[in-house]
Amino acid sequence: MTIASNLGFPRMGQHRELKKSLEAFWAGKISEADLQKTASDLRSKNWLDQKARGIQHIPSNDFALYDQILDAAELLGAVPKRYQSLDGVKRYFAMARGHQAQGVDVPALEMTKWFDTNYHYLVPELSESDSFALSSRKPMDHFNEAKALGVNTRPVIIGPVSFLILAKKEGAQLLRLLDRLLPVYEDLLSQLSGAEWVQIDEPCLVLDLSVEARSAFQRAYDRLAKVSSSPKKLIATYFGALGDNLELACSLPVQGLHIDLVRAPEQLEAVSKRLPKDLYLSAGVVDGRNVWKNDLDQSLGLLQKIAEIRGTDKLIVAPSCSLLHSPVDSSTEIKLDAEIKSWLAFATDKLGEVAVLAKALDAGHTDFPEFDSSRTTLKSRAASPRVNNPTVQSRVKALTPVMSKRQSAYPSRREAQLILNLPPLPTTTIGSFPQTADVRSMRASFKNGKTDQKTYNTFVANQIQEAVKWQEELGIDVLVHGEFERNDMVEYFGEQLDGFAFTENGWVQSYGSRCVKPPIIYGDVSRPKPMTVEWSRYAQSLTKSPMKGMLTGPVTILQWSFVRADQPRSTTCQQIAFAIRDEVSDLESAGLRVIQIDEPAIREGLPLRRSEWKSYLQWAVECFRISASSVADSTQIHTHMCYSEFNDIIEAVGDMDADAVSIETSRSKMELLGAFADYKYPNEVGPGVYDIHSPRIPTEDEMVDLLRAAAKVLNANQLWVNPDCGLKTRAWAEVRPALQSMVQAAKRVRAEL
């Protein structure tokens, strides 16, 4: 009998209950017991919902208060020494967010993107001298918690090799650390002996692996196979194909293997034939990362191909990956256009798709209402006039190379931009200022029709006036208007572009308590009218200093949206690029001489396999340049990228040809600048000197040290001074002293240089 399973479930809750509880706890408004009660209630609801929807292999330990890799680091005893004076949740959140109280001042762990998603994980810090020990009972506790509810779950743990590959290993060899780590996994598996199965996530099996990493996988699972009381082990891979790791993955001594057949359907036959028939094959045929209803007939066809090769007695049907990357429940969408809503499936809907696919395969027919609904949906979307816009399609077809080139090369542009009259090491911020409760409340009131346009505009204008005045008093060189009118850096633009739809509760976790509500791109994209010009022009009218026009770039809008799957992503990105190009031209005409086109997701969108990079980078860079190339040489184009490893794509960053690029570097202590120095990056760089993802306020001396470090690897004439990222999630009580220290640090280093 075919098994219906799930790999992981969203943890924020249908109405972001965990987010609200976390932020109340951090603010001292609720107790730890209150926070844990919210978490326990969410877990219970998730387990019971999955059981009610026909899922047989239900995950546990997929829930985390902040991040699953941070949980794994705590579980394995991989806690850096600087946190060891703290304990409990205080230590846990210090690792996640930093800590600055009661004489303890420690920065957070580094944070980076989880493969090619917009989820951020905390990077464990490991060194040659590290030892490991089982330091938490969380997987066992959550398994027993579910069991008490009558739900037998499949505990989820990150695999030992992927944990080590994804960690920061200073002076340590992977295999040497593995030998120290495996006894902890043996202990863990023994303590999970009450479970029938354990899911061991090894997503690194879809990456290009070194000889050392391949050896590590073999050594690890040869040893773990000898744990006598271990549950059956299912290795889970996702986000891509096994490729040249197929032989390795299929030969590991485990009882099951999960593969992603949404991202990589081409691997179906090879894996089905190579995986020993006494092992279970988990087929990820329901998209865990997008919101479109499944083509059930197509998915059933994939399952039938597997059944022809292997039979169905050891076949598991599953989403392609954890549903962490999906919104929770589409039934809460009351205002969404009915036609578009009929095309969508959120996490709970996807569980139903998994369950009915397993039933249909066993039944040998498709006489289920879900199949009729799937067919109706596909026909509706294909025939809808809302999807196709011939004018947009014609503009993309008319694209020529000159549309993606600035008028002159950077040296000539630099000379033309001297009219900005900026000092060495000019200071700026990335764009947004704190979205206070007052700002959010006013925006919600206006959106709900409780506040009229005039009152709302007056409020926003006052916020901008105060922000501009404060920046001038502080001495910031290139100002921003603060983005008080904007909800989210992608949603704000998508709401003003044709081809986008928006949800009320389609939240997904980005990191910690930070949730985003990705737009849904259902059709051809165009810009009906200017989107940012009015407020940008107003802000510039308040000051003689340069004011930055703030835009989100085409690749990031694409990457941080749920994208239509009926045409190449590159085509959709080109459509967005032309829309942003029109906005850039209008900003320049309105008097803005500095325009920032943020592309924090350009590295995130990079394919996981190096062999596929060239094609992606070619169209991604072209789309950025389409958006940026309509302006005069004297107009300065900035871009921003955060939490990215640039070494591998530094040439593509250079090809983007922005006049200045700002990047995250504070948590890594300027390590990322090495790529820019080795490449001899010719344009200007703003290495972040202030970690905005932590409430901790850095000192002036810390920023001075970071700037000095930057000046050692790059020419001082290239350097800008700025935070790592936008400041919307921070409080003014943190932002004001931090930016004051940043400006003073810039002045000190400017004087030294």
Foldseek 3Di string as FASTA:
>chain_A
DAAEAEFAEAQCDLFRQLLVLVVCVVVVNDDPVVNVVSSLVSLQVQQVLLVVLQHQAYEWLNHDLFASLLVQCQQWVLQDPLLVVDDDVVSSVCQVFNDDDDPRGGGHADWFDDFLALAIHGAGEEEAPDATARRDCRQVVRQVSNVVVVHRYAYEHEALLQNLVRHHYPHHDSQVVLVRRLVRVLVVQQSVLVHQEHEYEDQCLQFDDDPSSLVSQQVNQVVSLPSVSGHFYEYEYFDHDSVVCLLSVLPRPGQYYEAQCVRPVVCLVVNLQSRDLRHAYEYAQAALAFWFDHQLVVSLVSVVVSCVRRNRPRYYYYHRHHNLNWFHALVPFDPFDPLVSLGTHTDSNSSSSSSLSSVCNVVVHNPDVSNVSSVVNVVSLVPDPLAEDVVLVVVLVPDDPLLLDAPDALVVLVVLQCVLVAAQQAEEAFAAAAQDPVLVVLLVCVVVVNDDPVVSVVVLLVQQLVQLVLCVVLPHQEYYSHPSNDDDQQVQVLVQKRQWTFGDRGWHHSTNSDIDGAIARSHQIAGPDARQQPSQLSSCVNDPGAYEAEHEALVQSLSRHNYDPPDDSLSSSLSVLQRLLVNVVSNVVSPHQEYEHEDQSLQSNARSYPVPRVVSLVSVLSSLSSNVHPDHSNRAYEYEHENHQCLVPVVSVLSNSHQEYEYECQSVLNPSCQSCLVVVRPHAYEYAQAELSHLRADALVSSLSSVVVNVVRHPSNRYYYYHRHHNHNYDPVRVVVNVSSSSVSSVVVSVVD
